[in-house]
Amino acid sequence: MLKEIRWHGRGGQGSFTGAKLLGTAASLHDGRFAQAFPSFGPERRGAPVLGFNRISDNPITDRSEISLCDFIIFLDDTLWNERYYDDLKKEALILINTADSSLANERIRTIDATGLALDVLGLPIANTAMLGALAALSGETVTREALVEALKSSLKPSVLEKNLILLEKAYERF
């Protein structure tokens, strides 16, 4: 089983950090093969950026950018456009960080990850919440337990506890 995930965000929102944490969770804590890599345009805060993940039970040899996705994650709802439906595999989902739940449908799930992050962290950093939502929605792609371990091994102790709470709150939304 190969799962391909693309992250859309803006520089400084943590889309690539989210992809790295997902890759760490899958490879080091779920015993799977994983890739995590970015694609940057102009490297400045606020510019659109992409992050990519491949997660598989078998070694991964494809190193190209992902065009057909099992999940597309938007950390910034202003980047969402209906043309992204064309980038989805048959049973794929789009996960959008937005307070506008009217965007939700059979292919789109929404969560106010920024609102959750502000409540828990006091900062609008939504990638941990999006990881929790992804774990809840994706079934076998990554486990919540693996994400918890990835956070423990990757984050500074000063921010770890709040990020674990944020992950759990987002997971529980689904």
N, C-alpha and C. Protein backbone atom coordinates (compact mmCIF):
# COMPACT_ATOMS: atom_id res chain seq x y z
N MET A 1 0.83 -1.17 0.00
CA MET A 1 0.00 0.00 0.00
C MET A 1 0.88 1.25 0.00
N LEU A 2 0.75 2.05 -1.00
CA LEU A 2 1.48 3.31 -1.10
C LEU A 2 0.48 4.45 -0.93
N LYS A 3 0.77 5.35 -0.01
CA LYS A 3 -0.05 6.54 0.19
C LYS A 3 0.80 7.76 -0.14
N GLU A 4 0.21 8.67 -0.92
CA GLU A 4 0.91 9.87 -1.34
C GLU A 4 0.14 11.09 -0.86
N ILE A 5 0.86 11.98 -0.19
CA ILE A 5 0.24 13.12 0.47
C ILE A 5 0.97 14.38 0.03
N ARG A 6 0.19 15.42 -0.27
CA ARG A 6 0.77 16.70 -0.63
C ARG A 6 0.26 17.77 0.34
N TRP A 7 1.18 18.56 0.83
CA TRP A 7 0.88 19.65 1.76
C TRP A 7 0.97 20.98 1.02
N HIS A 8 -0.05 21.83 1.17
CA HIS A 8 -0.03 23.19 0.63
C HIS A 8 -0.06 24.16 1.80
N GLY A 9 0.86 25.08 1.80
CA GLY A 9 0.89 26.09 2.85
C GLY A 9 1.63 27.31 2.37
N ARG A 10 1.89 28.18 3.28
CA ARG A 10 2.68 29.38 2.99
C ARG A 10 3.93 29.32 3.85
N GLY A 11 5.00 29.91 3.35
CA GLY A 11 6.25 29.92 4.09
C GLY A 11 6.04 30.40 5.52
N GLY A 12 6.50 29.64 6.47
CA GLY A 12 6.35 29.99 7.87
C GLY A 12 5.19 29.32 8.57
N GLN A 13 4.31 28.62 7.83
CA GLN A 13 3.15 27.96 8.44
C GLN A 13 3.46 26.54 8.92
N GLY A 14 4.58 26.00 8.52
CA GLY A 14 4.96 24.67 9.00
C GLY A 14 4.53 23.51 8.13
N SER A 15 4.27 23.75 6.84
CA SER A 15 3.85 22.64 5.98
C SER A 15 4.96 21.61 5.82
N PHE A 16 6.20 22.05 5.64
CA PHE A 16 7.26 21.06 5.49
C PHE A 16 7.58 20.41 6.83
N THR A 17 7.49 21.16 7.91
CA THR A 17 7.69 20.55 9.23
C THR A 17 6.63 19.47 9.47
N GLY A 18 5.39 19.74 9.07
CA GLY A 18 4.33 18.72 9.17
C GLY A 18 4.67 17.49 8.37
N ALA A 19 5.17 17.69 7.15
CA ALA A 19 5.56 16.55 6.30
C ALA A 19 6.71 15.77 6.94
N LYS A 20 7.69 16.47 7.50
CA LYS A 20 8.82 15.78 8.16
C LYS A 20 8.33 14.98 9.37
N LEU A 21 7.46 15.56 10.17
CA LEU A 21 6.93 14.83 11.33
C LEU A 21 6.14 13.60 10.90
N LEU A 22 5.37 13.73 9.82
CA LEU A 22 4.63 12.58 9.31
C LEU A 22 5.57 11.49 8.83
N GLY A 23 6.62 11.87 8.11
CA GLY A 23 7.61 10.90 7.66
C GLY A 23 8.32 10.21 8.81
N THR A 24 8.65 10.98 9.85
CA THR A 24 9.28 10.41 11.04
C THR A 24 8.34 9.42 11.72
N ALA A 25 7.09 9.81 11.86
CA ALA A 25 6.10 8.94 12.51
C ALA A 25 5.98 7.62 11.76
N ALA A 26 5.83 7.70 10.45
CA ALA A 26 5.63 6.48 9.65
C ALA A 26 6.86 5.59 9.63
N SER A 27 8.04 6.20 9.45
CA SER A 27 9.24 5.39 9.28
C SER A 27 9.84 4.91 10.59
N LEU A 28 9.93 5.76 11.58
CA LEU A 28 10.60 5.38 12.82
C LEU A 28 9.66 4.75 13.85
N HIS A 29 8.36 5.07 13.78
CA HIS A 29 7.46 4.62 14.84
C HIS A 29 6.32 3.72 14.36
N ASP A 30 6.08 3.67 13.06
CA ASP A 30 5.09 2.73 12.51
C ASP A 30 5.77 1.62 11.70
N GLY A 31 7.10 1.67 11.57
CA GLY A 31 7.83 0.62 10.87
C GLY A 31 7.57 0.56 9.38
N ARG A 32 7.27 1.69 8.76
CA ARG A 32 6.97 1.75 7.33
C ARG A 32 8.12 2.46 6.62
N PHE A 33 8.07 2.46 5.33
CA PHE A 33 9.00 3.24 4.51
C PHE A 33 8.33 4.59 4.25
N ALA A 34 9.12 5.66 4.29
CA ALA A 34 8.52 6.99 4.11
C ALA A 34 9.51 7.95 3.47
N GLN A 35 8.95 8.92 2.78
CA GLN A 35 9.69 10.05 2.23
C GLN A 35 9.00 11.32 2.70
N ALA A 36 9.77 12.36 2.92
CA ALA A 36 9.25 13.69 3.19
C ALA A 36 10.19 14.67 2.50
N PHE A 37 9.64 15.50 1.62
CA PHE A 37 10.49 16.45 0.92
C PHE A 37 9.68 17.69 0.53
N PRO A 38 10.36 18.84 0.43
CA PRO A 38 9.69 20.10 0.10
C PRO A 38 9.86 20.48 -1.36
N SER A 39 9.07 21.46 -1.76
CA SER A 39 9.27 22.15 -3.03
C SER A 39 9.00 23.62 -2.76
N PHE A 40 10.01 24.43 -2.87
CA PHE A 40 9.87 25.85 -2.58
C PHE A 40 9.98 26.65 -3.86
N GLY A 41 9.19 27.71 -3.93
CA GLY A 41 9.37 28.72 -4.97
C GLY A 41 10.27 29.78 -4.35
N PRO A 42 9.83 31.02 -4.38
CA PRO A 42 10.61 32.04 -3.69
C PRO A 42 10.61 31.73 -2.19
N GLU A 43 11.78 31.65 -1.61
CA GLU A 43 11.87 31.27 -0.20
C GLU A 43 11.69 32.49 0.68
N ARG A 44 10.43 32.85 0.88
CA ARG A 44 10.14 33.97 1.77
C ARG A 44 8.87 33.67 2.55
N ARG A 45 8.75 34.25 3.70
CA ARG A 45 7.58 34.06 4.55
C ARG A 45 6.33 34.49 3.80
N GLY A 46 5.34 33.63 3.80
CA GLY A 46 4.06 33.93 3.17
C GLY A 46 3.94 33.45 1.73
N ALA A 47 5.03 33.06 1.11
CA ALA A 47 4.97 32.55 -0.27
C ALA A 47 4.43 31.12 -0.26
N PRO A 48 3.67 30.71 -1.28
CA PRO A 48 3.17 29.33 -1.33
C PRO A 48 4.32 28.32 -1.37
N VAL A 49 4.18 27.28 -0.57
CA VAL A 49 5.16 26.19 -0.54
C VAL A 49 4.43 24.86 -0.55
N LEU A 50 5.13 23.83 -0.98
CA LEU A 50 4.58 22.48 -1.00
C LEU A 50 5.47 21.55 -0.18
N GLY A 51 4.84 20.58 0.43
CA GLY A 51 5.55 19.50 1.09
C GLY A 51 4.94 18.20 0.59
N PHE A 52 5.74 17.15 0.57
CA PHE A 52 5.27 15.87 0.03
C PHE A 52 5.64 14.73 0.98
N ASN A 53 4.77 13.72 1.01
CA ASN A 53 5.05 12.47 1.72
C ASN A 53 4.65 11.30 0.87
N ARG A 54 5.47 10.28 0.92
CA ARG A 54 5.08 8.96 0.44
C ARG A 54 5.27 8.02 1.63
N ILE A 55 4.30 7.15 1.85
CA ILE A 55 4.35 6.17 2.93
C ILE A 55 3.95 4.83 2.34
N SER A 56 4.76 3.81 2.60
CA SER A 56 4.52 2.51 1.99
C SER A 56 5.00 1.39 2.90
N ASP A 57 4.47 0.20 2.66
CA ASP A 57 4.96 -1.01 3.33
C ASP A 57 6.20 -1.55 2.64
N ASN A 58 6.49 -1.05 1.46
CA ASN A 58 7.62 -1.50 0.66
C ASN A 58 8.58 -0.34 0.39
N PRO A 59 9.83 -0.64 0.05
CA PRO A 59 10.76 0.45 -0.28
C PRO A 59 10.20 1.35 -1.38
N ILE A 60 10.50 2.63 -1.28
CA ILE A 60 10.00 3.63 -2.23
C ILE A 60 11.17 4.09 -3.09
N THR A 61 11.02 3.94 -4.41
CA THR A 61 12.09 4.35 -5.31
C THR A 61 11.75 5.62 -6.09
N ASP A 62 10.47 5.96 -6.19
CA ASP A 62 10.05 7.17 -6.90
C ASP A 62 10.38 8.39 -6.06
N ARG A 63 11.11 9.33 -6.62
CA ARG A 63 11.50 10.53 -5.89
C ARG A 63 10.92 11.80 -6.53
N SER A 64 9.95 11.63 -7.40
CA SER A 64 9.36 12.79 -8.08
C SER A 64 8.30 13.47 -7.21
N GLU A 65 7.96 14.70 -7.59
CA GLU A 65 6.86 15.38 -6.91
C GLU A 65 5.58 14.59 -7.12
N ILE A 66 4.66 14.72 -6.22
CA ILE A 66 3.42 13.94 -6.25
C ILE A 66 2.34 14.75 -6.95
N SER A 67 1.77 14.15 -7.99
CA SER A 67 0.69 14.85 -8.70
C SER A 67 -0.67 14.24 -8.38
N LEU A 68 -0.77 12.91 -8.28
CA LEU A 68 -2.03 12.26 -7.90
C LEU A 68 -1.92 11.83 -6.44
N CYS A 69 -2.82 12.33 -5.62
CA CYS A 69 -2.68 12.22 -4.16
C CYS A 69 -3.76 11.37 -3.53
N ASP A 70 -3.40 10.75 -2.40
CA ASP A 70 -4.38 10.11 -1.54
C ASP A 70 -4.96 11.13 -0.56
N PHE A 71 -4.15 12.11 -0.18
CA PHE A 71 -4.58 13.22 0.66
C PHE A 71 -3.89 14.49 0.18
N ILE A 72 -4.66 15.57 0.17
CA ILE A 72 -4.09 16.90 -0.04
C ILE A 72 -4.46 17.71 1.19
N ILE A 73 -3.46 18.28 1.82
CA ILE A 73 -3.65 19.03 3.06
C ILE A 73 -3.37 20.50 2.79
N PHE A 74 -4.32 21.34 3.14
CA PHE A 74 -4.17 22.79 2.98
C PHE A 74 -4.07 23.43 4.35
N LEU A 75 -2.90 23.98 4.67
CA LEU A 75 -2.74 24.71 5.92
C LEU A 75 -3.33 26.10 5.82
N ASP A 76 -3.57 26.56 4.62
CA ASP A 76 -4.11 27.90 4.37
C ASP A 76 -5.25 27.76 3.37
N ASP A 77 -6.47 28.07 3.80
CA ASP A 77 -7.62 27.87 2.92
C ASP A 77 -7.64 28.79 1.71
N THR A 78 -6.83 29.86 1.72
CA THR A 78 -6.79 30.74 0.54
C THR A 78 -6.07 30.07 -0.62
N LEU A 79 -5.36 28.98 -0.36
CA LEU A 79 -4.67 28.24 -1.42
C LEU A 79 -5.58 27.22 -2.09
N TRP A 80 -6.70 26.90 -1.46
CA TRP A 80 -7.64 25.92 -2.01
C TRP A 80 -8.32 26.45 -3.26
N ASN A 81 -8.47 25.56 -4.23
CA ASN A 81 -9.17 25.86 -5.47
C ASN A 81 -9.75 24.55 -5.98
N GLU A 82 -10.90 24.60 -6.61
CA GLU A 82 -11.56 23.38 -7.09
C GLU A 82 -10.73 22.60 -8.11
N ARG A 83 -9.76 23.21 -8.72
CA ARG A 83 -8.92 22.49 -9.69
C ARG A 83 -8.15 21.35 -9.02
N TYR A 84 -7.99 21.42 -7.70
CA TYR A 84 -7.25 20.36 -6.99
C TYR A 84 -8.01 19.04 -6.95
N TYR A 85 -9.30 19.05 -7.25
CA TYR A 85 -10.03 17.78 -7.38
C TYR A 85 -9.36 16.88 -8.42
N ASP A 86 -8.80 17.47 -9.46
CA ASP A 86 -8.14 16.70 -10.52
C ASP A 86 -6.88 15.99 -10.04
N ASP A 87 -6.36 16.38 -8.88
CA ASP A 87 -5.13 15.80 -8.35
C ASP A 87 -5.39 14.67 -7.36
N LEU A 88 -6.65 14.25 -7.24
CA LEU A 88 -7.01 13.21 -6.28
C LEU A 88 -7.15 11.84 -6.93
N LYS A 89 -6.66 10.83 -6.22
CA LYS A 89 -6.94 9.45 -6.60
C LYS A 89 -8.40 9.16 -6.28
N LYS A 90 -8.87 8.01 -6.69
CA LYS A 90 -10.30 7.68 -6.60
C LYS A 90 -10.91 7.85 -5.20
N GLU A 91 -10.29 7.31 -4.18
CA GLU A 91 -10.84 7.35 -2.82
C GLU A 91 -10.17 8.41 -1.96
N ALA A 92 -9.57 9.41 -2.56
CA ALA A 92 -8.76 10.39 -1.85
C ALA A 92 -9.60 11.47 -1.18
N LEU A 93 -8.96 12.15 -0.22
CA LEU A 93 -9.60 13.24 0.51
C LEU A 93 -8.73 14.48 0.52
N ILE A 94 -9.41 15.61 0.66
CA ILE A 94 -8.76 16.90 0.87
C ILE A 94 -9.07 17.32 2.29
N LEU A 95 -8.05 17.79 3.00
CA LEU A 95 -8.21 18.28 4.37
C LEU A 95 -7.82 19.75 4.37
N ILE A 96 -8.77 20.61 4.75
CA ILE A 96 -8.54 22.06 4.71
C ILE A 96 -8.62 22.65 6.10
N ASN A 97 -7.62 23.43 6.44
CA ASN A 97 -7.62 24.21 7.68
C ASN A 97 -8.45 25.45 7.41
N THR A 98 -9.67 25.46 7.94
CA THR A 98 -10.56 26.60 7.73
C THR A 98 -11.63 26.62 8.80
N ALA A 99 -12.12 27.80 9.11
CA ALA A 99 -13.26 27.94 10.01
C ALA A 99 -14.57 27.81 9.24
N ASP A 100 -14.49 27.74 7.91
CA ASP A 100 -15.67 27.66 7.04
C ASP A 100 -16.05 26.21 6.79
N SER A 101 -16.92 25.66 7.61
CA SER A 101 -17.31 24.26 7.47
C SER A 101 -18.20 24.02 6.25
N SER A 102 -18.67 25.08 5.59
CA SER A 102 -19.50 24.90 4.40
C SER A 102 -18.70 24.33 3.23
N LEU A 103 -17.37 24.34 3.32
CA LEU A 103 -16.54 23.75 2.26
C LEU A 103 -16.57 22.23 2.29
N ALA A 104 -16.96 21.65 3.42
CA ALA A 104 -16.93 20.20 3.59
C ALA A 104 -17.95 19.52 2.68
N ASN A 105 -17.53 18.38 2.12
CA ASN A 105 -18.41 17.55 1.31
C ASN A 105 -17.87 16.12 1.33
N GLU A 106 -18.27 15.28 0.39
CA GLU A 106 -17.83 13.89 0.40
C GLU A 106 -16.33 13.72 0.16
N ARG A 107 -15.67 14.70 -0.43
CA ARG A 107 -14.23 14.63 -0.70
C ARG A 107 -13.40 15.58 0.15
N ILE A 108 -14.06 16.51 0.82
CA ILE A 108 -13.36 17.53 1.60
C ILE A 108 -13.76 17.43 3.06
N ARG A 109 -12.75 17.43 3.93
CA ARG A 109 -12.96 17.52 5.37
C ARG A 109 -12.33 18.83 5.82
N THR A 110 -12.99 19.51 6.74
CA THR A 110 -12.48 20.78 7.24
C THR A 110 -12.28 20.70 8.75
N ILE A 111 -11.32 21.47 9.21
CA ILE A 111 -11.06 21.62 10.63
C ILE A 111 -10.47 23.00 10.85
N ASP A 112 -10.92 23.66 11.90
CA ASP A 112 -10.36 24.96 12.24
C ASP A 112 -9.09 24.72 13.05
N ALA A 113 -8.05 24.26 12.37
CA ALA A 113 -6.79 23.93 13.03
C ALA A 113 -6.11 25.18 13.59
N THR A 114 -6.26 26.30 12.91
CA THR A 114 -5.68 27.54 13.42
C THR A 114 -6.36 27.95 14.72
N GLY A 115 -7.68 27.84 14.76
CA GLY A 115 -8.41 28.16 15.99
C GLY A 115 -8.00 27.26 17.14
N LEU A 116 -7.87 25.96 16.86
CA LEU A 116 -7.41 25.02 17.89
C LEU A 116 -6.00 25.38 18.36
N ALA A 117 -5.12 25.68 17.40
CA ALA A 117 -3.73 26.03 17.74
C ALA A 117 -3.68 27.30 18.59
N LEU A 118 -4.49 28.28 18.25
CA LEU A 118 -4.52 29.50 19.05
C LEU A 118 -4.99 29.21 20.47
N ASP A 119 -6.01 28.35 20.61
CA ASP A 119 -6.52 27.99 21.93
C ASP A 119 -5.48 27.25 22.76
N VAL A 120 -4.77 26.31 22.13
CA VAL A 120 -3.85 25.44 22.88
C VAL A 120 -2.44 26.02 22.96
N LEU A 121 -1.91 26.48 21.83
CA LEU A 121 -0.53 26.95 21.78
C LEU A 121 -0.40 28.45 22.02
N GLY A 122 -1.48 29.17 21.73
CA GLY A 122 -1.40 30.62 21.76
C GLY A 122 -0.75 31.19 20.51
N LEU A 123 -0.54 30.32 19.50
CA LEU A 123 0.08 30.69 18.23
C LEU A 123 -0.70 30.07 17.08
N PRO A 124 -0.71 30.70 15.90
CA PRO A 124 -1.46 30.15 14.77
C PRO A 124 -0.67 29.11 13.97
N ILE A 125 -0.05 28.17 14.66
CA ILE A 125 0.75 27.13 14.00
C ILE A 125 -0.09 25.86 13.99
N ALA A 126 -0.61 25.50 12.81
CA ALA A 126 -1.66 24.49 12.71
C ALA A 126 -1.18 23.12 12.26
N ASN A 127 0.11 22.93 11.98
CA ASN A 127 0.54 21.66 11.40
C ASN A 127 0.30 20.46 12.32
N THR A 128 0.50 20.62 13.63
CA THR A 128 0.26 19.51 14.55
C THR A 128 -1.21 19.12 14.56
N ALA A 129 -2.09 20.11 14.53
CA ALA A 129 -3.53 19.81 14.46
C ALA A 129 -3.88 19.08 13.17
N MET A 130 -3.27 19.50 12.07
CA MET A 130 -3.55 18.84 10.79
C MET A 130 -3.05 17.39 10.80
N LEU A 131 -1.95 17.13 11.49
CA LEU A 131 -1.46 15.75 11.63
C LEU A 131 -2.45 14.91 12.43
N GLY A 132 -3.00 15.47 13.49
CA GLY A 132 -4.01 14.74 14.27
C GLY A 132 -5.24 14.43 13.44
N ALA A 133 -5.69 15.40 12.66
CA ALA A 133 -6.85 15.18 11.78
C ALA A 133 -6.53 14.12 10.74
N LEU A 134 -5.33 14.19 10.16
CA LEU A 134 -4.93 13.20 9.15
C LEU A 134 -4.92 11.80 9.74
N ALA A 135 -4.38 11.64 10.94
CA ALA A 135 -4.35 10.31 11.57
C ALA A 135 -5.76 9.77 11.76
N ALA A 136 -6.68 10.62 12.16
CA ALA A 136 -8.06 10.19 12.36
C ALA A 136 -8.74 9.80 11.05
N LEU A 137 -8.45 10.53 9.99
CA LEU A 137 -9.10 10.31 8.71
C LEU A 137 -8.46 9.22 7.86
N SER A 138 -7.17 8.97 8.07
CA SER A 138 -6.43 8.14 7.12
C SER A 138 -6.40 6.66 7.44
N GLY A 139 -6.85 6.28 8.60
CA GLY A 139 -6.83 4.86 8.94
C GLY A 139 -5.42 4.33 9.03
N GLU A 140 -5.02 3.57 8.05
CA GLU A 140 -3.73 2.87 8.08
C GLU A 140 -2.53 3.70 7.62
N THR A 141 -2.72 4.92 7.17
CA THR A 141 -1.60 5.72 6.67
C THR A 141 -0.59 6.04 7.77
N VAL A 142 -1.07 6.48 8.92
CA VAL A 142 -0.22 6.76 10.08
C VAL A 142 -1.07 6.62 11.33
N THR A 143 -0.47 6.12 12.39
CA THR A 143 -1.22 5.98 13.64
C THR A 143 -1.01 7.20 14.54
N ARG A 144 -1.98 7.44 15.37
CA ARG A 144 -1.88 8.51 16.35
C ARG A 144 -0.69 8.26 17.28
N GLU A 145 -0.50 7.01 17.67
CA GLU A 145 0.60 6.66 18.56
C GLU A 145 1.96 6.98 17.93
N ALA A 146 2.09 6.71 16.64
CA ALA A 146 3.35 7.02 15.95
C ALA A 146 3.57 8.52 15.89
N LEU A 147 2.51 9.28 15.69
CA LEU A 147 2.65 10.74 15.67
C LEU A 147 3.06 11.27 17.04
N VAL A 148 2.48 10.71 18.10
CA VAL A 148 2.87 11.10 19.45
C VAL A 148 4.37 10.87 19.65
N GLU A 149 4.85 9.70 19.24
CA GLU A 149 6.27 9.39 19.39
C GLU A 149 7.14 10.31 18.53
N ALA A 150 6.67 10.64 17.33
CA ALA A 150 7.42 11.55 16.47
C ALA A 150 7.53 12.93 17.10
N LEU A 151 6.44 13.41 17.70
CA LEU A 151 6.49 14.69 18.39
C LEU A 151 7.47 14.64 19.56
N LYS A 152 7.42 13.55 20.31
CA LYS A 152 8.32 13.41 21.47
C LYS A 152 9.79 13.41 21.05
N SER A 153 10.08 12.82 19.90
CA SER A 153 11.48 12.74 19.47
C SER A 153 11.93 13.96 18.66
N SER A 154 11.01 14.84 18.29
CA SER A 154 11.35 15.95 17.39
C SER A 154 11.19 17.34 17.99
N LEU A 155 10.32 17.49 18.96
CA LEU A 155 10.02 18.83 19.49
C LEU A 155 10.79 19.12 20.77
N LYS A 156 11.02 20.39 21.00
CA LYS A 156 11.66 20.82 22.24
C LYS A 156 10.71 20.53 23.41
N PRO A 157 11.26 20.18 24.55
CA PRO A 157 10.40 19.93 25.72
C PRO A 157 9.49 21.10 26.07
N SER A 158 9.92 22.31 25.80
CA SER A 158 9.13 23.49 26.15
C SER A 158 7.83 23.61 25.35
N VAL A 159 7.75 22.96 24.19
CA VAL A 159 6.53 23.04 23.37
C VAL A 159 5.85 21.68 23.20
N LEU A 160 6.46 20.63 23.70
CA LEU A 160 5.95 19.28 23.46
C LEU A 160 4.56 19.06 24.04
N GLU A 161 4.35 19.34 25.31
CA GLU A 161 3.08 19.00 25.96
C GLU A 161 1.89 19.66 25.28
N LYS A 162 2.01 20.92 24.95
CA LYS A 162 0.91 21.62 24.29
C LYS A 162 0.65 21.05 22.89
N ASN A 163 1.71 20.66 22.18
CA ASN A 163 1.52 20.07 20.86
C ASN A 163 0.86 18.70 20.95
N LEU A 164 1.16 17.94 21.99
CA LEU A 164 0.48 16.65 22.20
C LEU A 164 -1.01 16.87 22.47
N ILE A 165 -1.34 17.88 23.23
CA ILE A 165 -2.75 18.22 23.48
C ILE A 165 -3.43 18.62 22.18
N LEU A 166 -2.76 19.44 21.39
CA LEU A 166 -3.31 19.90 20.11
C LEU A 166 -3.55 18.73 19.16
N LEU A 167 -2.60 17.82 19.07
CA LEU A 167 -2.75 16.63 18.23
C LEU A 167 -3.98 15.85 18.64
N GLU A 168 -4.16 15.64 19.93
CA GLU A 168 -5.29 14.86 20.45
C GLU A 168 -6.62 15.56 20.19
N LYS A 169 -6.68 16.86 20.40
CA LYS A 169 -7.93 17.61 20.17
C LYS A 169 -8.36 17.51 18.70
N ALA A 170 -7.40 17.64 17.80
CA ALA A 170 -7.73 17.55 16.37
C ALA A 170 -8.14 16.12 16.00
N TYR A 171 -7.45 15.13 16.54
CA TYR A 171 -7.80 13.73 16.28
C TYR A 171 -9.24 13.46 16.71
N GLU A 172 -9.61 13.96 17.85
CA GLU A 172 -10.96 13.72 18.39
C GLU A 172 -12.06 14.38 17.57
N ARG A 173 -11.72 15.36 16.74
CA ARG A 173 -12.73 16.03 15.90
C ARG A 173 -13.30 15.10 14.83
N PHE A 174 -12.56 14.03 14.52
CA PHE A 174 -13.00 13.11 13.47
C PHE A 174 -13.24 11.74 14.04
